[in-house]
Amino acid sequence: MPTPSVLVLTAIRLLLAFESAFGLLRGNWPAAFVAGSALALTFLPQIIAGRVQLRLPNSFLAAIAAFVLASIYLGEMHDFYTRFWWWDLVLHAGSGMGFGILGFLLIFMLFRGDRYAAPPWALGLLSFCTAMTVGALWEIFEYVMDQTFGFNMQKSGLDDTMGDLIVDAIGAALAGLAGAAYMTGRTGGFGSAFDAFIHANRTRFRKLIPHRKPRGRS
């Protein structure tokens, strides 16, 4: 039986495929393009990961697809950014946590899973910096698009940018703290996400020494 993550991922892709096809049939080209682009983005991370010989767990793919659905399909196509003032902030907090988690895993992978290669606080700080770098680059992208093409991605300008960066920082800090806690053997919070990625790419974490022995073994 498919796991919940697979069901969520499949449902999102089917919805976007239906919306894209429906838009084409009605001649609504912008709607078809937005839904089609969102659908393509749900496959892109898996393709990129495969190119660099990484495997993304289904839970990661489902989370990415849900973010794409919320930001592009609901946010842009159905104007959720305007209808709900908090929509953009929630998505920025989520992206901060997501890039923080990914940053921690990629940095931890460089050490091949060696818990003692660097202190936990250092890896937590590096994952925080990774997420904040991505957040800052996105704000630069919004500014360039607004100035070059006359878009309104920054909404209220400086206030929007600073609000986005603040919630990015909150999400990134939570991910950094979770990564540091994981290094010390505390597997709560995002621990299951870390475990899923490490298990899917266990050859990249050869030096990882579990803190607790599996049950039933001496």
N, C-alpha and C. Protein backbone atom coordinates (compact mmCIF):
# COMPACT_ATOMS: atom_id res chain seq x y z
N MET A 1 0.85 -1.20 0.00
CA MET A 1 0.00 0.00 0.00
C MET A 1 0.88 1.24 0.00
N PRO A 2 0.57 2.23 -0.83
CA PRO A 2 1.39 3.45 -0.88
C PRO A 2 1.42 4.16 0.47
N THR A 3 2.55 4.76 0.77
CA THR A 3 2.69 5.52 2.01
C THR A 3 1.95 6.84 1.90
N PRO A 4 1.65 7.50 3.02
CA PRO A 4 0.99 8.81 2.96
C PRO A 4 1.74 9.82 2.11
N SER A 5 3.09 9.79 2.17
CA SER A 5 3.88 10.73 1.37
C SER A 5 3.66 10.52 -0.12
N VAL A 6 3.62 9.25 -0.53
CA VAL A 6 3.40 8.94 -1.95
C VAL A 6 2.00 9.38 -2.37
N LEU A 7 1.01 9.15 -1.52
CA LEU A 7 -0.36 9.55 -1.83
C LEU A 7 -0.47 11.07 -1.99
N VAL A 8 0.17 11.82 -1.08
CA VAL A 8 0.14 13.28 -1.16
C VAL A 8 0.82 13.76 -2.43
N LEU A 9 2.00 13.20 -2.71
CA LEU A 9 2.76 13.59 -3.91
C LEU A 9 1.96 13.30 -5.18
N THR A 10 1.37 12.12 -5.25
CA THR A 10 0.59 11.74 -6.43
C THR A 10 -0.63 12.63 -6.60
N ALA A 11 -1.32 12.92 -5.48
CA ALA A 11 -2.52 13.76 -5.55
C ALA A 11 -2.19 15.16 -6.04
N ILE A 12 -1.09 15.73 -5.57
CA ILE A 12 -0.70 17.08 -6.00
C ILE A 12 -0.37 17.10 -7.49
N ARG A 13 0.37 16.10 -7.94
CA ARG A 13 0.74 16.05 -9.36
C ARG A 13 -0.48 15.85 -10.25
N LEU A 14 -1.42 15.01 -9.81
CA LEU A 14 -2.64 14.80 -10.59
C LEU A 14 -3.48 16.08 -10.66
N LEU A 15 -3.56 16.79 -9.54
CA LEU A 15 -4.31 18.05 -9.52
C LEU A 15 -3.72 19.06 -10.49
N LEU A 16 -2.39 19.21 -10.45
CA LEU A 16 -1.74 20.18 -11.33
C LEU A 16 -1.85 19.76 -12.79
N ALA A 17 -1.76 18.46 -13.06
CA ALA A 17 -1.91 17.98 -14.43
C ALA A 17 -3.32 18.24 -14.94
N PHE A 18 -4.31 18.00 -14.09
CA PHE A 18 -5.70 18.26 -14.47
C PHE A 18 -5.93 19.74 -14.74
N GLU A 19 -5.41 20.60 -13.85
CA GLU A 19 -5.59 22.05 -14.03
C GLU A 19 -4.92 22.55 -15.30
N SER A 20 -3.75 22.00 -15.61
CA SER A 20 -3.05 22.40 -16.82
C SER A 20 -3.83 21.98 -18.06
N ALA A 21 -4.31 20.73 -18.07
CA ALA A 21 -5.08 20.24 -19.21
C ALA A 21 -6.40 21.00 -19.35
N PHE A 22 -7.05 21.27 -18.22
CA PHE A 22 -8.31 22.00 -18.24
C PHE A 22 -8.12 23.41 -18.78
N GLY A 23 -7.01 24.04 -18.41
CA GLY A 23 -6.70 25.37 -18.90
C GLY A 23 -6.48 25.37 -20.40
N LEU A 24 -5.82 24.33 -20.92
CA LEU A 24 -5.60 24.23 -22.36
C LEU A 24 -6.91 24.05 -23.11
N LEU A 25 -7.79 23.22 -22.56
CA LEU A 25 -9.08 22.96 -23.21
C LEU A 25 -9.94 24.22 -23.26
N ARG A 26 -9.85 25.04 -22.22
CA ARG A 26 -10.65 26.26 -22.16
C ARG A 26 -9.97 27.43 -22.85
N GLY A 27 -8.74 27.23 -23.30
CA GLY A 27 -8.01 28.32 -23.92
C GLY A 27 -7.47 29.32 -22.92
N ASN A 28 -7.42 28.92 -21.65
CA ASN A 28 -6.88 29.80 -20.61
C ASN A 28 -5.37 29.54 -20.51
N TRP A 29 -4.61 30.16 -21.41
CA TRP A 29 -3.19 29.86 -21.52
C TRP A 29 -2.39 30.23 -20.26
N PRO A 30 -2.65 31.37 -19.59
CA PRO A 30 -1.89 31.65 -18.36
C PRO A 30 -2.09 30.60 -17.28
N ALA A 31 -3.35 30.15 -17.09
CA ALA A 31 -3.62 29.14 -16.08
C ALA A 31 -2.94 27.82 -16.44
N ALA A 32 -2.99 27.46 -17.73
CA ALA A 32 -2.35 26.21 -18.17
C ALA A 32 -0.85 26.28 -17.97
N PHE A 33 -0.27 27.46 -18.25
CA PHE A 33 1.18 27.62 -18.10
C PHE A 33 1.60 27.54 -16.64
N VAL A 34 0.87 28.24 -15.76
CA VAL A 34 1.22 28.24 -14.34
C VAL A 34 1.11 26.84 -13.76
N ALA A 35 -0.01 26.15 -14.03
CA ALA A 35 -0.19 24.80 -13.50
C ALA A 35 0.83 23.84 -14.09
N GLY A 36 1.12 23.98 -15.38
CA GLY A 36 2.11 23.12 -16.01
C GLY A 36 3.50 23.34 -15.47
N SER A 37 3.84 24.62 -15.23
CA SER A 37 5.14 24.94 -14.66
C SER A 37 5.27 24.39 -13.25
N ALA A 38 4.19 24.51 -12.47
CA ALA A 38 4.21 23.97 -11.10
C ALA A 38 4.37 22.46 -11.13
N LEU A 39 3.68 21.80 -12.07
CA LEU A 39 3.81 20.35 -12.21
C LEU A 39 5.25 19.97 -12.53
N ALA A 40 5.88 20.68 -13.45
CA ALA A 40 7.28 20.39 -13.81
C ALA A 40 8.20 20.57 -12.61
N LEU A 41 7.92 21.58 -11.79
CA LEU A 41 8.76 21.83 -10.62
C LEU A 41 8.68 20.72 -9.59
N THR A 42 7.57 19.98 -9.55
CA THR A 42 7.48 18.87 -8.60
C THR A 42 8.38 17.70 -9.00
N PHE A 43 8.78 17.65 -10.28
CA PHE A 43 9.68 16.60 -10.75
C PHE A 43 11.15 17.05 -10.74
N LEU A 44 11.37 18.36 -10.80
CA LEU A 44 12.73 18.90 -10.95
C LEU A 44 13.69 18.48 -9.83
N PRO A 45 13.31 18.57 -8.53
CA PRO A 45 14.26 18.17 -7.48
C PRO A 45 14.71 16.72 -7.61
N GLN A 46 13.79 15.82 -7.96
CA GLN A 46 14.13 14.42 -8.13
C GLN A 46 15.12 14.23 -9.28
N ILE A 47 14.93 14.99 -10.36
CA ILE A 47 15.84 14.90 -11.51
C ILE A 47 17.23 15.41 -11.14
N ILE A 48 17.27 16.57 -10.46
CA ILE A 48 18.56 17.15 -10.07
C ILE A 48 19.29 16.23 -9.09
N ALA A 49 18.55 15.69 -8.12
CA ALA A 49 19.16 14.78 -7.15
C ALA A 49 19.73 13.55 -7.85
N GLY A 50 19.01 13.03 -8.83
CA GLY A 50 19.51 11.87 -9.56
C GLY A 50 20.79 12.17 -10.31
N ARG A 51 20.91 13.40 -10.84
CA ARG A 51 22.11 13.79 -11.58
C ARG A 51 23.35 13.81 -10.68
N VAL A 52 23.15 14.15 -9.40
CA VAL A 52 24.29 14.19 -8.47
C VAL A 52 24.33 12.94 -7.59
N GLN A 53 23.60 11.92 -8.01
CA GLN A 53 23.59 10.61 -7.36
C GLN A 53 23.13 10.68 -5.90
N LEU A 54 22.06 11.42 -5.69
CA LEU A 54 21.41 11.47 -4.39
C LEU A 54 19.98 10.97 -4.54
N ARG A 55 19.43 10.45 -3.44
CA ARG A 55 18.04 10.01 -3.44
C ARG A 55 17.27 10.85 -2.44
N LEU A 56 16.18 11.43 -2.90
CA LEU A 56 15.32 12.20 -2.01
C LEU A 56 14.19 11.30 -1.53
N PRO A 57 13.99 11.18 -0.21
CA PRO A 57 12.88 10.38 0.30
C PRO A 57 11.54 10.92 -0.18
N ASN A 58 10.55 10.05 -0.21
CA ASN A 58 9.22 10.47 -0.66
C ASN A 58 8.66 11.59 0.21
N SER A 59 9.01 11.58 1.49
CA SER A 59 8.52 12.65 2.37
C SER A 59 9.08 14.01 1.94
N PHE A 60 10.34 14.05 1.48
CA PHE A 60 10.93 15.29 0.99
C PHE A 60 10.23 15.73 -0.29
N LEU A 61 10.00 14.78 -1.20
CA LEU A 61 9.36 15.11 -2.48
C LEU A 61 7.94 15.62 -2.25
N ALA A 62 7.23 15.01 -1.29
CA ALA A 62 5.86 15.45 -0.99
C ALA A 62 5.87 16.85 -0.39
N ALA A 63 6.84 17.14 0.48
CA ALA A 63 6.93 18.47 1.08
C ALA A 63 7.25 19.52 0.02
N ILE A 64 8.14 19.19 -0.90
CA ILE A 64 8.48 20.13 -1.97
C ILE A 64 7.27 20.38 -2.86
N ALA A 65 6.55 19.31 -3.21
CA ALA A 65 5.36 19.45 -4.05
C ALA A 65 4.30 20.29 -3.36
N ALA A 66 4.13 20.10 -2.05
CA ALA A 66 3.16 20.89 -1.29
C ALA A 66 3.56 22.36 -1.28
N PHE A 67 4.86 22.63 -1.18
CA PHE A 67 5.33 24.01 -1.20
C PHE A 67 5.07 24.64 -2.56
N VAL A 68 5.34 23.91 -3.63
CA VAL A 68 5.09 24.40 -4.98
C VAL A 68 3.60 24.68 -5.17
N LEU A 69 2.76 23.77 -4.70
CA LEU A 69 1.32 23.94 -4.80
C LEU A 69 0.87 25.21 -4.08
N ALA A 70 1.40 25.40 -2.85
CA ALA A 70 0.98 26.53 -2.03
C ALA A 70 1.50 27.86 -2.58
N SER A 71 2.72 27.86 -3.10
CA SER A 71 3.33 29.12 -3.54
C SER A 71 2.92 29.52 -4.95
N ILE A 72 2.99 28.59 -5.89
CA ILE A 72 2.71 28.94 -7.29
C ILE A 72 1.24 28.78 -7.64
N TYR A 73 0.69 27.59 -7.36
CA TYR A 73 -0.69 27.32 -7.77
C TYR A 73 -1.69 28.12 -6.94
N LEU A 74 -1.61 28.00 -5.61
CA LEU A 74 -2.55 28.72 -4.75
C LEU A 74 -2.15 30.19 -4.59
N GLY A 75 -0.86 30.44 -4.39
CA GLY A 75 -0.40 31.79 -4.14
C GLY A 75 -0.55 32.71 -5.33
N GLU A 76 -0.04 32.28 -6.49
CA GLU A 76 -0.07 33.12 -7.67
C GLU A 76 -1.36 32.95 -8.48
N MET A 77 -1.73 31.70 -8.76
CA MET A 77 -2.86 31.45 -9.65
C MET A 77 -4.20 31.78 -8.99
N HIS A 78 -4.30 31.49 -7.69
CA HIS A 78 -5.56 31.75 -6.98
C HIS A 78 -5.45 32.92 -6.00
N ASP A 79 -4.37 33.68 -6.12
CA ASP A 79 -4.22 34.96 -5.42
C ASP A 79 -4.28 34.81 -3.90
N PHE A 80 -3.75 33.72 -3.36
CA PHE A 80 -3.75 33.55 -1.90
C PHE A 80 -2.86 34.57 -1.21
N TYR A 81 -1.84 35.07 -1.93
CA TYR A 81 -0.96 36.08 -1.31
C TYR A 81 -1.74 37.34 -0.96
N THR A 82 -2.73 37.68 -1.76
CA THR A 82 -3.54 38.86 -1.49
C THR A 82 -4.70 38.54 -0.55
N ARG A 83 -5.30 37.40 -0.71
CA ARG A 83 -6.46 37.02 0.09
C ARG A 83 -6.11 36.75 1.54
N PHE A 84 -4.92 36.25 1.78
CA PHE A 84 -4.49 35.93 3.15
C PHE A 84 -3.15 36.63 3.41
N TRP A 85 -3.12 37.61 4.27
CA TRP A 85 -1.93 38.41 4.49
C TRP A 85 -0.77 37.57 5.03
N TRP A 86 -1.08 36.47 5.72
CA TRP A 86 -0.05 35.66 6.36
C TRP A 86 0.49 34.56 5.44
N TRP A 87 -0.07 34.41 4.25
CA TRP A 87 0.32 33.29 3.37
C TRP A 87 1.81 33.35 3.01
N ASP A 88 2.27 34.51 2.62
CA ASP A 88 3.67 34.68 2.22
C ASP A 88 4.61 34.42 3.39
N LEU A 89 4.22 34.88 4.58
CA LEU A 89 5.08 34.70 5.76
C LEU A 89 5.21 33.22 6.13
N VAL A 90 4.10 32.50 6.07
CA VAL A 90 4.14 31.07 6.38
C VAL A 90 5.03 30.32 5.40
N LEU A 91 4.92 30.66 4.12
CA LEU A 91 5.75 30.00 3.12
C LEU A 91 7.23 30.32 3.30
N HIS A 92 7.53 31.56 3.66
CA HIS A 92 8.93 31.91 3.90
C HIS A 92 9.48 31.17 5.12
N ALA A 93 8.67 31.04 6.17
CA ALA A 93 9.12 30.27 7.34
C ALA A 93 9.35 28.82 6.95
N GLY A 94 8.45 28.27 6.14
CA GLY A 94 8.61 26.89 5.70
C GLY A 94 9.83 26.69 4.82
N SER A 95 10.08 27.64 3.92
CA SER A 95 11.26 27.53 3.06
C SER A 95 12.54 27.67 3.88
N GLY A 96 12.51 28.53 4.91
CA GLY A 96 13.67 28.67 5.78
C GLY A 96 13.99 27.36 6.48
N MET A 97 12.96 26.69 6.99
CA MET A 97 13.17 25.39 7.63
C MET A 97 13.64 24.35 6.62
N GLY A 98 13.03 24.37 5.43
CA GLY A 98 13.39 23.38 4.42
C GLY A 98 14.83 23.51 3.97
N PHE A 99 15.25 24.73 3.65
CA PHE A 99 16.63 24.92 3.21
C PHE A 99 17.61 24.73 4.36
N GLY A 100 17.16 25.02 5.59
CA GLY A 100 18.01 24.75 6.75
C GLY A 100 18.25 23.26 6.94
N ILE A 101 17.18 22.46 6.80
CA ILE A 101 17.30 21.01 6.91
C ILE A 101 18.20 20.48 5.80
N LEU A 102 17.96 20.92 4.57
CA LEU A 102 18.77 20.46 3.45
C LEU A 102 20.23 20.88 3.62
N GLY A 103 20.44 22.12 4.08
CA GLY A 103 21.80 22.60 4.30
C GLY A 103 22.52 21.76 5.34
N PHE A 104 21.85 21.43 6.45
CA PHE A 104 22.46 20.60 7.47
C PHE A 104 22.85 19.23 6.91
N LEU A 105 21.93 18.61 6.16
CA LEU A 105 22.19 17.27 5.63
C LEU A 105 23.35 17.28 4.64
N LEU A 106 23.41 18.29 3.78
CA LEU A 106 24.49 18.35 2.81
C LEU A 106 25.84 18.60 3.49
N ILE A 107 25.86 19.46 4.50
CA ILE A 107 27.10 19.71 5.23
C ILE A 107 27.51 18.46 6.02
N PHE A 108 26.55 17.82 6.67
CA PHE A 108 26.82 16.58 7.41
C PHE A 108 27.33 15.51 6.45
N MET A 109 26.84 15.50 5.24
CA MET A 109 27.27 14.53 4.24
C MET A 109 28.72 14.76 3.84
N LEU A 110 29.16 16.02 3.82
CA LEU A 110 30.56 16.31 3.50
C LEU A 110 31.50 15.68 4.52
N PHE A 111 31.03 15.54 5.76
CA PHE A 111 31.81 14.88 6.80
C PHE A 111 31.56 13.37 6.82
N ARG A 112 30.79 12.89 5.84
CA ARG A 112 30.44 11.46 5.70
C ARG A 112 29.77 10.92 6.96
N GLY A 113 29.04 11.79 7.65
CA GLY A 113 28.29 11.37 8.81
C GLY A 113 29.10 11.27 10.09
N ASP A 114 30.28 11.84 10.10
CA ASP A 114 31.13 11.80 11.29
C ASP A 114 30.63 12.83 12.31
N ARG A 115 30.02 12.33 13.38
CA ARG A 115 29.45 13.23 14.39
C ARG A 115 30.52 14.03 15.12
N TYR A 116 31.76 13.59 15.06
CA TYR A 116 32.81 14.22 15.85
C TYR A 116 33.75 15.07 15.00
N ALA A 117 33.42 15.24 13.70
CA ALA A 117 34.27 16.05 12.83
C ALA A 117 34.13 17.54 13.12
N ALA A 118 32.99 17.94 13.64
CA ALA A 118 32.73 19.35 13.96
C ALA A 118 31.74 19.40 15.11
N PRO A 119 31.81 20.43 15.95
CA PRO A 119 30.86 20.53 17.06
C PRO A 119 29.44 20.75 16.55
N PRO A 120 28.44 20.25 17.27
CA PRO A 120 27.04 20.39 16.82
C PRO A 120 26.64 21.82 16.53
N TRP A 121 27.09 22.77 17.38
CA TRP A 121 26.67 24.16 17.17
C TRP A 121 27.19 24.70 15.84
N ALA A 122 28.37 24.21 15.40
CA ALA A 122 28.94 24.69 14.15
C ALA A 122 28.10 24.24 12.95
N LEU A 123 27.68 22.97 12.95
CA LEU A 123 26.85 22.50 11.86
C LEU A 123 25.49 23.17 11.87
N GLY A 124 24.95 23.40 13.08
CA GLY A 124 23.69 24.11 13.18
C GLY A 124 23.80 25.52 12.63
N LEU A 125 24.90 26.20 12.95
CA LEU A 125 25.12 27.57 12.47
C LEU A 125 25.30 27.59 10.95
N LEU A 126 26.04 26.63 10.41
CA LEU A 126 26.25 26.57 8.96
C LEU A 126 24.94 26.31 8.22
N SER A 127 24.10 25.44 8.78
CA SER A 127 22.81 25.19 8.13
C SER A 127 21.93 26.43 8.18
N PHE A 128 21.99 27.17 9.28
CA PHE A 128 21.26 28.44 9.39
C PHE A 128 21.75 29.42 8.32
N CYS A 129 23.07 29.52 8.17
CA CYS A 129 23.64 30.45 7.18
C CYS A 129 23.27 30.04 5.76
N THR A 130 23.21 28.73 5.50
CA THR A 130 22.82 28.26 4.17
C THR A 130 21.41 28.71 3.83
N ALA A 131 20.49 28.50 4.78
CA ALA A 131 19.10 28.88 4.54
C ALA A 131 18.96 30.39 4.38
N MET A 132 19.67 31.17 5.18
CA MET A 132 19.59 32.62 5.08
C MET A 132 20.18 33.13 3.77
N THR A 133 21.22 32.47 3.28
CA THR A 133 21.81 32.85 2.00
C THR A 133 20.79 32.67 0.88
N VAL A 134 20.09 31.53 0.89
CA VAL A 134 19.07 31.28 -0.13
C VAL A 134 17.96 32.32 -0.02
N GLY A 135 17.53 32.62 1.21
CA GLY A 135 16.48 33.62 1.42
C GLY A 135 16.89 35.00 0.92
N ALA A 136 18.15 35.39 1.19
CA ALA A 136 18.63 36.69 0.74
C ALA A 136 18.72 36.75 -0.79
N LEU A 137 19.20 35.67 -1.40
CA LEU A 137 19.29 35.63 -2.87
C LEU A 137 17.91 35.73 -3.51
N TRP A 138 16.90 35.12 -2.84
CA TRP A 138 15.54 35.22 -3.38
C TRP A 138 15.03 36.65 -3.32
N GLU A 139 15.34 37.35 -2.24
CA GLU A 139 14.91 38.75 -2.13
C GLU A 139 15.59 39.61 -3.19
N ILE A 140 16.85 39.31 -3.50
CA ILE A 140 17.55 40.02 -4.57
C ILE A 140 16.88 39.74 -5.91
N PHE A 141 16.50 38.48 -6.11
CA PHE A 141 15.80 38.11 -7.35
C PHE A 141 14.49 38.89 -7.47
N GLU A 142 13.71 38.98 -6.38
CA GLU A 142 12.46 39.74 -6.42
C GLU A 142 12.72 41.20 -6.77
N TYR A 143 13.76 41.78 -6.18
CA TYR A 143 14.08 43.19 -6.45
C TYR A 143 14.45 43.39 -7.92
N VAL A 144 15.28 42.50 -8.46
CA VAL A 144 15.70 42.61 -9.86
C VAL A 144 14.49 42.48 -10.79
N MET A 145 13.60 41.53 -10.51
CA MET A 145 12.42 41.34 -11.35
C MET A 145 11.52 42.57 -11.31
N ASP A 146 11.35 43.15 -10.11
CA ASP A 146 10.51 44.35 -9.97
C ASP A 146 11.10 45.53 -10.74
N GLN A 147 12.42 45.70 -10.62
CA GLN A 147 13.07 46.84 -11.25
C GLN A 147 13.19 46.68 -12.77
N THR A 148 13.37 45.44 -13.20
CA THR A 148 13.60 45.19 -14.63
C THR A 148 12.31 45.07 -15.43
N PHE A 149 11.33 44.35 -14.86
CA PHE A 149 10.12 44.07 -15.62
C PHE A 149 8.87 44.75 -15.06
N GLY A 150 9.03 45.52 -14.00
CA GLY A 150 7.90 46.24 -13.43
C GLY A 150 6.94 45.36 -12.65
N PHE A 151 7.42 44.20 -12.17
CA PHE A 151 6.58 43.33 -11.36
C PHE A 151 6.37 43.96 -9.98
N ASN A 152 5.58 43.27 -9.15
CA ASN A 152 5.35 43.74 -7.78
C ASN A 152 5.58 42.59 -6.80
N MET A 153 6.70 41.91 -6.97
CA MET A 153 7.00 40.75 -6.13
C MET A 153 7.31 41.15 -4.70
N GLN A 154 7.84 42.37 -4.50
CA GLN A 154 8.20 42.82 -3.15
C GLN A 154 7.04 43.49 -2.42
N LYS A 155 5.89 43.55 -3.10
CA LYS A 155 4.69 44.12 -2.50
C LYS A 155 4.97 45.51 -1.92
N SER A 156 5.18 45.60 -0.59
CA SER A 156 5.36 46.91 0.05
C SER A 156 6.82 47.32 0.16
N GLY A 157 7.69 46.73 -0.66
CA GLY A 157 9.08 47.14 -0.68
C GLY A 157 9.87 46.67 0.52
N LEU A 158 10.52 47.61 1.22
CA LEU A 158 11.43 47.28 2.31
C LEU A 158 10.74 46.50 3.41
N ASP A 159 9.52 46.91 3.77
CA ASP A 159 8.79 46.21 4.83
C ASP A 159 8.56 44.74 4.46
N ASP A 160 8.21 44.49 3.21
CA ASP A 160 7.99 43.11 2.75
C ASP A 160 9.29 42.32 2.80
N THR A 161 10.38 42.94 2.34
CA THR A 161 11.68 42.26 2.32
C THR A 161 12.13 41.89 3.73
N MET A 162 12.04 42.85 4.65
CA MET A 162 12.50 42.60 6.01
C MET A 162 11.61 41.58 6.71
N GLY A 163 10.30 41.66 6.47
CA GLY A 163 9.40 40.67 7.05
C GLY A 163 9.72 39.27 6.56
N ASP A 164 10.01 39.14 5.26
CA ASP A 164 10.36 37.84 4.69
C ASP A 164 11.66 37.32 5.31
N LEU A 165 12.66 38.19 5.44
CA LEU A 165 13.95 37.76 5.99
C LEU A 165 13.83 37.37 7.46
N ILE A 166 12.98 38.06 8.20
CA ILE A 166 12.80 37.74 9.62
C ILE A 166 12.19 36.36 9.78
N VAL A 167 11.14 36.05 9.01
CA VAL A 167 10.53 34.72 9.14
C VAL A 167 11.44 33.65 8.53
N ASP A 168 12.24 34.02 7.50
CA ASP A 168 13.27 33.09 7.01
C ASP A 168 14.22 32.73 8.14
N ALA A 169 14.63 33.74 8.90
CA ALA A 169 15.58 33.52 9.99
C ALA A 169 14.97 32.63 11.07
N ILE A 170 13.70 32.82 11.36
CA ILE A 170 13.04 31.98 12.37
C ILE A 170 13.01 30.52 11.92
N GLY A 171 12.59 30.29 10.68
CA GLY A 171 12.56 28.93 10.16
C GLY A 171 13.94 28.32 10.09
N ALA A 172 14.94 29.10 9.63
CA ALA A 172 16.31 28.60 9.53
C ALA A 172 16.88 28.28 10.91
N ALA A 173 16.55 29.12 11.91
CA ALA A 173 17.04 28.88 13.27
C ALA A 173 16.48 27.59 13.84
N LEU A 174 15.19 27.33 13.59
CA LEU A 174 14.58 26.08 14.06
C LEU A 174 15.27 24.87 13.43
N ALA A 175 15.55 24.96 12.13
CA ALA A 175 16.23 23.86 11.45
C ALA A 175 17.65 23.69 11.97
N GLY A 176 18.34 24.81 12.20
CA GLY A 176 19.70 24.74 12.74
C GLY A 176 19.75 24.11 14.12
N LEU A 177 18.81 24.50 14.96
CA LEU A 177 18.73 23.91 16.30
C LEU A 177 18.42 22.42 16.23
N ALA A 178 17.53 22.05 15.30
CA ALA A 178 17.19 20.63 15.14
C ALA A 178 18.40 19.84 14.67
N GLY A 179 19.19 20.43 13.75
CA GLY A 179 20.39 19.76 13.28
C GLY A 179 21.41 19.58 14.39
N ALA A 180 21.61 20.63 15.19
CA ALA A 180 22.54 20.53 16.30
C ALA A 180 22.08 19.48 17.31
N ALA A 181 20.77 19.44 17.58
CA ALA A 181 20.23 18.44 18.50
C ALA A 181 20.42 17.03 17.95
N TYR A 182 20.25 16.88 16.65
CA TYR A 182 20.42 15.57 16.02
C TYR A 182 21.86 15.08 16.18
N MET A 183 22.80 15.98 16.12
CA MET A 183 24.21 15.62 16.28
C MET A 183 24.50 15.05 17.66
N THR A 184 23.72 15.45 18.65
CA THR A 184 23.93 14.97 20.01
C THR A 184 23.04 13.77 20.35
N GLY A 185 22.33 13.25 19.35
CA GLY A 185 21.53 12.05 19.57
C GLY A 185 20.08 12.30 19.89
N ARG A 186 19.65 13.56 19.91
CA ARG A 186 18.24 13.86 20.15
C ARG A 186 17.51 13.82 18.81
N THR A 187 16.65 12.85 18.63
CA THR A 187 16.03 12.62 17.32
C THR A 187 14.61 13.16 17.23
N GLY A 188 14.19 13.99 18.15
CA GLY A 188 12.84 14.56 18.08
C GLY A 188 12.77 15.63 17.01
N GLY A 189 11.59 16.22 16.84
CA GLY A 189 11.43 17.29 15.87
C GLY A 189 11.62 16.80 14.44
N PHE A 190 12.72 17.25 13.82
CA PHE A 190 13.00 16.89 12.44
C PHE A 190 13.83 15.61 12.34
N GLY A 191 14.00 14.91 13.44
CA GLY A 191 14.85 13.72 13.45
C GLY A 191 14.44 12.69 12.42
N SER A 192 13.14 12.47 12.25
CA SER A 192 12.68 11.48 11.28
C SER A 192 13.04 11.89 9.86
N ALA A 193 13.01 13.20 9.57
CA ALA A 193 13.41 13.68 8.23
C ALA A 193 14.89 13.44 7.99
N PHE A 194 15.71 13.72 9.01
CA PHE A 194 17.14 13.46 8.89
C PHE A 194 17.39 11.97 8.68
N ASP A 195 16.74 11.14 9.48
CA ASP A 195 16.93 9.69 9.37
C ASP A 195 16.54 9.18 7.99
N ALA A 196 15.43 9.70 7.45
CA ALA A 196 14.96 9.24 6.14
C ALA A 196 15.97 9.57 5.04
N PHE A 197 16.52 10.78 5.07
CA PHE A 197 17.50 11.16 4.05
C PHE A 197 18.78 10.35 4.19
N ILE A 198 19.24 10.20 5.42
CA ILE A 198 20.48 9.45 5.66
C ILE A 198 20.32 7.99 5.25
N HIS A 199 19.17 7.41 5.56
CA HIS A 199 18.92 6.02 5.17
C HIS A 199 18.89 5.86 3.66
N ALA A 200 18.29 6.83 2.96
CA ALA A 200 18.20 6.76 1.50
C ALA A 200 19.56 6.96 0.84
N ASN A 201 20.48 7.61 1.55
CA ASN A 201 21.81 7.89 1.00
C ASN A 201 22.90 7.40 1.95
N ARG A 202 22.70 6.22 2.50
CA ARG A 202 23.58 5.74 3.57
C ARG A 202 25.03 5.56 3.12
N THR A 203 25.28 5.35 1.83
CA THR A 203 26.68 5.24 1.40
C THR A 203 27.42 6.55 1.52
N ARG A 204 26.68 7.66 1.61
CA ARG A 204 27.30 8.99 1.78
C ARG A 204 27.56 9.32 3.25
N PHE A 205 27.11 8.45 4.14
CA PHE A 205 27.25 8.70 5.59
C PHE A 205 27.92 7.50 6.25
N ARG A 206 29.03 7.05 5.67
CA ARG A 206 29.69 5.83 6.13
C ARG A 206 30.23 5.93 7.55
N LYS A 207 30.55 7.14 7.99
CA LYS A 207 31.14 7.32 9.32
C LYS A 207 30.11 7.56 10.41
N LEU A 208 28.84 7.50 10.05
CA LEU A 208 27.80 7.76 11.04
C LEU A 208 27.72 6.62 12.03
N ILE A 209 27.87 6.95 13.31
CA ILE A 209 27.79 5.95 14.38
C ILE A 209 26.53 6.20 15.17
N PRO A 210 25.56 5.30 15.14
CA PRO A 210 24.32 5.50 15.89
C PRO A 210 24.59 5.63 17.38
N HIS A 211 23.82 6.50 18.04
CA HIS A 211 23.96 6.66 19.49
C HIS A 211 23.30 5.52 20.24
N ARG A 212 22.27 4.93 19.63
CA ARG A 212 21.55 3.86 20.30
C ARG A 212 21.56 2.62 19.42
N LYS A 213 21.77 1.46 20.01
CA LYS A 213 21.76 0.23 19.26
C LYS A 213 20.33 -0.18 18.95
N PRO A 214 20.12 -0.79 17.77
CA PRO A 214 18.76 -1.24 17.44
C PRO A 214 18.24 -2.23 18.47
N ARG A 215 16.95 -2.21 18.69
CA ARG A 215 16.35 -3.11 19.66
C ARG A 215 16.50 -4.56 19.23
N GLY A 216 16.68 -5.42 20.19
CA GLY A 216 16.78 -6.85 19.90
C GLY A 216 18.18 -7.31 19.59
N ARG A 217 19.17 -6.38 19.63
CA ARG A 217 20.53 -6.76 19.37
C ARG A 217 21.38 -6.41 20.57
N SER A 218 22.44 -7.17 20.77
CA SER A 218 23.30 -6.95 21.92
C SER A 218 24.37 -5.93 21.58
